[in-house]
Amino acid sequence: MSGSTSTDAAPAPVGAYPHARRAGELLFLSGIGPRTPGSNAIPGNVHDADGKLVDHDIAAQARQVFANVRAVLEASGARWEELVDVTVFLTDMARDFKAYNAVWAEYFPDPAAAPCRTTLGITALPTPIAIELKCIARIRSA
């Protein structure tokens, strides 16, 4: 069985692709960012009087990206506990890794039960966000 999932419970993808695609018992999520569903607002972004982005709160963005991942998982018939691999993209590794790691520990308090994780520092993402997650989950057959 394979198929794609798109949901209004998560922000719309910024390109022509689905939120997720199932292949057998595996669910592959497209890159998920912290935009708020419906409004596309980015939690934690601070702008100056001219509208230029001047700061961000990685903890606020991490919490929103986790909420968005959970929404895509649920729309696809998966659960949070079924995440097996997460790739994290941070635009400011030196500044944000420690705070991101702390939020990760809130959502995955038991390292033995947490999904595998790789964190990469990158120079930019397609929208003014500081974090994006690429996830794989296993959906167990009923």
C-alpha atoms as a PDB file:
ATOM      1  CA  MET A   1       0.000   0.000   0.000  1.00  0.00           C
ATOM      2  CA  SER A   2       1.231   3.478  -0.786  1.00  0.00           C
ATOM      3  CA  GLY A   3      -0.405   6.859  -0.864  1.00  0.00           C
ATOM      4  CA  SER A   4       0.085  10.478  -0.001  1.00  0.00           C
ATOM      5  CA  THR A   5      -1.345  12.621   2.772  1.00  0.00           C
ATOM      6  CA  SER A   6      -2.091  16.319   2.921  1.00  0.00           C
ATOM      7  CA  THR A   7      -3.912  17.926   5.833  1.00  0.00           C
ATOM      8  CA  ASP A   8      -5.252  21.338   6.818  1.00  0.00           C
ATOM      9  CA  ALA A   9      -4.126  20.572  10.392  1.00  0.00           C
ATOM     10  CA  ALA A  10      -0.553  21.433   9.320  1.00  0.00           C
ATOM     11  CA  PRO A  11       0.673  24.390   7.273  1.00  0.00           C
ATOM     12  CA  ALA A  12       0.504  23.853   3.511  1.00  0.00           C
ATOM     13  CA  PRO A  13       3.742  22.681   1.900  1.00  0.00           C
ATOM     14  CA  VAL A  14       5.707  25.516   0.268  1.00  0.00           C
ATOM     15  CA  GLY A  15       6.005  23.529  -2.965  1.00  0.00           C
ATOM     16  CA  ALA A  16       4.199  20.953  -5.087  1.00  0.00           C
ATOM     17  CA  TYR A  17       4.531  17.935  -2.793  1.00  0.00           C
ATOM     18  CA  PRO A  18       2.429  16.149  -0.153  1.00  0.00           C
ATOM     19  CA  HIS A  19       2.913  16.336   3.591  1.00  0.00           C
ATOM     20  CA  ALA A  20       3.682  12.624   3.639  1.00  0.00           C
ATOM     21  CA  ARG A  21       3.831   9.480   1.529  1.00  0.00           C
ATOM     22  CA  ARG A  22       3.327   5.953   2.746  1.00  0.00           C
ATOM     23  CA  ALA A  23       5.316   3.035   1.340  1.00  0.00           C
ATOM     24  CA  GLY A  24       4.304  -0.226   2.971  1.00  0.00           C
ATOM     25  CA  GLU A  25       4.669   0.208   6.723  1.00  0.00           C
ATOM     26  CA  LEU A  26       6.886   3.285   6.361  1.00  0.00           C
ATOM     27  CA  LEU A  27       5.658   6.869   6.334  1.00  0.00           C
ATOM     28  CA  PHE A  28       7.993   9.515   4.904  1.00  0.00           C
ATOM     29  CA  LEU A  29       7.215  13.102   5.892  1.00  0.00           C
ATOM     30  CA  SER A  30       8.280  15.968   3.678  1.00  0.00           C
ATOM     31  CA  GLY A  31      10.227  18.723   5.402  1.00  0.00           C
ATOM     32  CA  ILE A  32       7.981  20.216   8.089  1.00  0.00           C
ATOM     33  CA  GLY A  33       8.565  23.723   9.408  1.00  0.00           C
ATOM     34  CA  PRO A  34       7.116  25.782  12.254  1.00  0.00           C
ATOM     35  CA  ARG A  35       4.578  27.859  10.340  1.00  0.00           C
ATOM     36  CA  THR A  36       1.210  28.028  12.101  1.00  0.00           C
ATOM     37  CA  PRO A  37      -1.578  26.221  10.224  1.00  0.00           C
ATOM     38  CA  GLY A  38      -4.070  28.648   8.695  1.00  0.00           C
ATOM     39  CA  SER A  39      -2.135  31.867   9.221  1.00  0.00           C
ATOM     40  CA  ASN A  40       1.396  30.810   8.211  1.00  0.00           C
ATOM     41  CA  ALA A  41       2.696  32.952  11.092  1.00  0.00           C
ATOM     42  CA  ILE A  42       6.092  31.846  12.374  1.00  0.00           C
ATOM     43  CA  PRO A  43       6.201  31.609  16.172  1.00  0.00           C
ATOM     44  CA  GLY A  44       9.136  33.344  17.791  1.00  0.00           C
ATOM     45  CA  ASN A  45      10.151  35.473  14.807  1.00  0.00           C
ATOM     46  CA  VAL A  46      10.870  39.106  15.709  1.00  0.00           C
ATOM     47  CA  HIS A  47      10.799  41.827  13.047  1.00  0.00           C
ATOM     48  CA  ASP A  48      11.975  45.436  13.143  1.00  0.00           C
ATOM     49  CA  ALA A  49       9.826  48.439  12.173  1.00  0.00           C
ATOM     50  CA  ASP A  50      10.634  47.825   8.488  1.00  0.00           C
ATOM     51  CA  GLY A  51       9.506  44.195   8.675  1.00  0.00           C
ATOM     52  CA  LYS A  52      13.039  42.775   8.515  1.00  0.00           C
ATOM     53  CA  LEU A  53      13.601  39.592  10.526  1.00  0.00           C
ATOM     54  CA  VAL A  54      15.960  40.451  13.389  1.00  0.00           C
ATOM     55  CA  ASP A  55      15.640  37.524  15.805  1.00  0.00           C
ATOM     56  CA  HIS A  56      13.968  34.175  16.411  1.00  0.00           C
ATOM     57  CA  ASP A  57      13.074  31.942  19.331  1.00  0.00           C
ATOM     58  CA  ILE A  58      14.144  28.396  18.481  1.00  0.00           C
ATOM     59  CA  ALA A  59      12.198  26.886  21.384  1.00  0.00           C
ATOM     60  CA  ALA A  60       8.928  28.414  20.133  1.00  0.00           C
ATOM     61  CA  GLN A  61       9.669  27.254  16.600  1.00  0.00           C
ATOM     62  CA  ALA A  62      10.618  23.754  17.774  1.00  0.00           C
ATOM     63  CA  ARG A  63       7.381  23.341  19.708  1.00  0.00           C
ATOM     64  CA  GLN A  64       5.350  24.429  16.665  1.00  0.00           C
ATOM     65  CA  VAL A  65       7.260  22.144  14.299  1.00  0.00           C
ATOM     66  CA  PHE A  66       6.613  19.216  16.661  1.00  0.00           C
ATOM     67  CA  ALA A  67       2.887  20.097  16.677  1.00  0.00           C
ATOM     68  CA  ASN A  68       2.931  20.179  12.870  1.00  0.00           C
ATOM     69  CA  VAL A  69       4.717  16.824  12.652  1.00  0.00           C
ATOM     70  CA  ARG A  70       2.181  15.312  15.053  1.00  0.00           C
ATOM     71  CA  ALA A  71      -0.694  16.660  12.897  1.00  0.00           C
ATOM     72  CA  VAL A  72       0.752  15.083   9.740  1.00  0.00           C
ATOM     73  CA  LEU A  73       1.391  11.787  11.539  1.00  0.00           C
ATOM     74  CA  GLU A  74      -2.180  11.643  12.838  1.00  0.00           C
ATOM     75  CA  ALA A  75      -3.650  12.575   9.435  1.00  0.00           C
ATOM     76  CA  SER A  76      -1.622   9.708   7.978  1.00  0.00           C
ATOM     77  CA  GLY A  77      -2.801   7.160  10.539  1.00  0.00           C
ATOM     78  CA  ALA A  78       0.455   7.166  12.513  1.00  0.00           C
ATOM     79  CA  ARG A  79       1.309   8.069  16.087  1.00  0.00           C
ATOM     80  CA  TRP A  80       4.073  10.170  17.634  1.00  0.00           C
ATOM     81  CA  GLU A  81       5.529   7.030  19.212  1.00  0.00           C
ATOM     82  CA  GLU A  82       5.981   5.512  15.746  1.00  0.00           C
ATOM     83  CA  LEU A  83       8.644   8.012  14.675  1.00  0.00           C
ATOM     84  CA  VAL A  84      11.830   6.077  13.931  1.00  0.00           C
ATOM     85  CA  ASP A  85      14.137   8.663  12.344  1.00  0.00           C
ATOM     86  CA  VAL A  86      14.268  12.469  12.411  1.00  0.00           C
ATOM     87  CA  THR A  87      16.606  14.734  10.477  1.00  0.00           C
ATOM     88  CA  VAL A  88      16.757  18.241  11.946  1.00  0.00           C
ATOM     89  CA  PHE A  89      17.886  21.252   9.938  1.00  0.00           C
ATOM     90  CA  LEU A  90      18.966  24.307  11.977  1.00  0.00           C
ATOM     91  CA  THR A  91      19.979  27.584  10.344  1.00  0.00           C
ATOM     92  CA  ASP A  92      22.097  28.602  13.364  1.00  0.00           C
ATOM     93  CA  MET A  93      23.620  25.479  14.895  1.00  0.00           C
ATOM     94  CA  ALA A  94      25.969  27.333  17.276  1.00  0.00           C
ATOM     95  CA  ARG A  95      23.187  29.443  18.744  1.00  0.00           C
ATOM     96  CA  ASP A  96      20.223  27.066  18.641  1.00  0.00           C
ATOM     97  CA  PHE A  97      21.417  23.497  19.201  1.00  0.00           C
ATOM     98  CA  LYS A  98      21.395  23.584  23.008  1.00  0.00           C
ATOM     99  CA  ALA A  99      17.891  25.096  23.225  1.00  0.00           C
ATOM    100  CA  TYR A 100      16.577  22.742  20.543  1.00  0.00           C
ATOM    101  CA  ASN A 101      18.058  19.777  22.401  1.00  0.00           C
ATOM    102  CA  ALA A 102      16.217  20.873  25.558  1.00  0.00           C
ATOM    103  CA  VAL A 103      12.876  20.977  23.717  1.00  0.00           C
ATOM    104  CA  TRP A 104      13.637  17.581  22.140  1.00  0.00           C
ATOM    105  CA  ALA A 105      14.118  16.165  25.669  1.00  0.00           C
ATOM    106  CA  GLU A 106      10.655  17.461  26.676  1.00  0.00           C
ATOM    107  CA  TYR A 107       9.058  15.518  23.828  1.00  0.00           C
ATOM    108  CA  PHE A 108      11.339  12.476  24.061  1.00  0.00           C
ATOM    109  CA  PRO A 109      12.318  12.148  27.746  1.00  0.00           C
ATOM    110  CA  ASP A 110      13.540   8.544  27.387  1.00  0.00           C
ATOM    111  CA  PRO A 111      16.497   8.392  24.955  1.00  0.00           C
ATOM    112  CA  ALA A 112      16.026   4.622  24.613  1.00  0.00           C
ATOM    113  CA  ALA A 113      12.502   5.164  23.234  1.00  0.00           C
ATOM    114  CA  ALA A 114      13.320   8.253  21.144  1.00  0.00           C
ATOM    115  CA  PRO A 115      13.671   8.073  17.379  1.00  0.00           C
ATOM    116  CA  CYS A 116      17.128   8.192  15.834  1.00  0.00           C
ATOM    117  CA  ARG A 117      18.149  11.768  15.095  1.00  0.00           C
ATOM    118  CA  THR A 118      20.609  13.621  12.908  1.00  0.00           C
ATOM    119  CA  THR A 119      21.016  17.390  13.255  1.00  0.00           C
ATOM    120  CA  LEU A 120      22.502  19.455  10.447  1.00  0.00           C
ATOM    121  CA  GLY A 121      23.528  23.099  10.372  1.00  0.00           C
ATOM    122  CA  ILE A 122      22.495  24.771   7.123  1.00  0.00           C
ATOM    123  CA  THR A 123      22.666  28.319   5.799  1.00  0.00           C
ATOM    124  CA  ALA A 124      19.000  28.869   4.909  1.00  0.00           C
ATOM    125  CA  LEU A 125      15.543  27.374   4.460  1.00  0.00           C
ATOM    126  CA  PRO A 126      12.974  28.413   1.808  1.00  0.00           C
ATOM    127  CA  THR A 127      10.968  30.566   4.222  1.00  0.00           C
ATOM    128  CA  PRO A 128      12.199  32.689   7.184  1.00  0.00           C
ATOM    129  CA  ILE A 129      12.255  29.775   9.623  1.00  0.00           C
ATOM    130  CA  ALA A 130      15.145  28.561  11.764  1.00  0.00           C
ATOM    131  CA  ILE A 131      14.231  24.849  11.855  1.00  0.00           C
ATOM    132  CA  GLU A 132      12.788  22.121   9.671  1.00  0.00           C
ATOM    133  CA  LEU A 133      12.275  18.406  10.366  1.00  0.00           C
ATOM    134  CA  LYS A 134      12.340  15.496   7.938  1.00  0.00           C
ATOM    135  CA  CYS A 135      10.817  12.391   9.542  1.00  0.00           C
ATOM    136  CA  ILE A 136      10.217   8.705   8.957  1.00  0.00           C
ATOM    137  CA  ALA A 137       7.649   6.748  10.947  1.00  0.00           C
ATOM    138  CA  ARG A 138       6.587   3.122  10.962  1.00  0.00           C
ATOM    139  CA  ILE A 139       2.870   2.502  10.747  1.00  0.00           C
ATOM    140  CA  ARG A 140       1.996  -0.864  12.171  1.00  0.00           C
ATOM    141  CA  SER A 141      -0.685  -2.782  10.286  1.00  0.00           C
ATOM    142  CA  ALA A 142      -3.894  -3.347  12.227  1.00  0.00           C
END
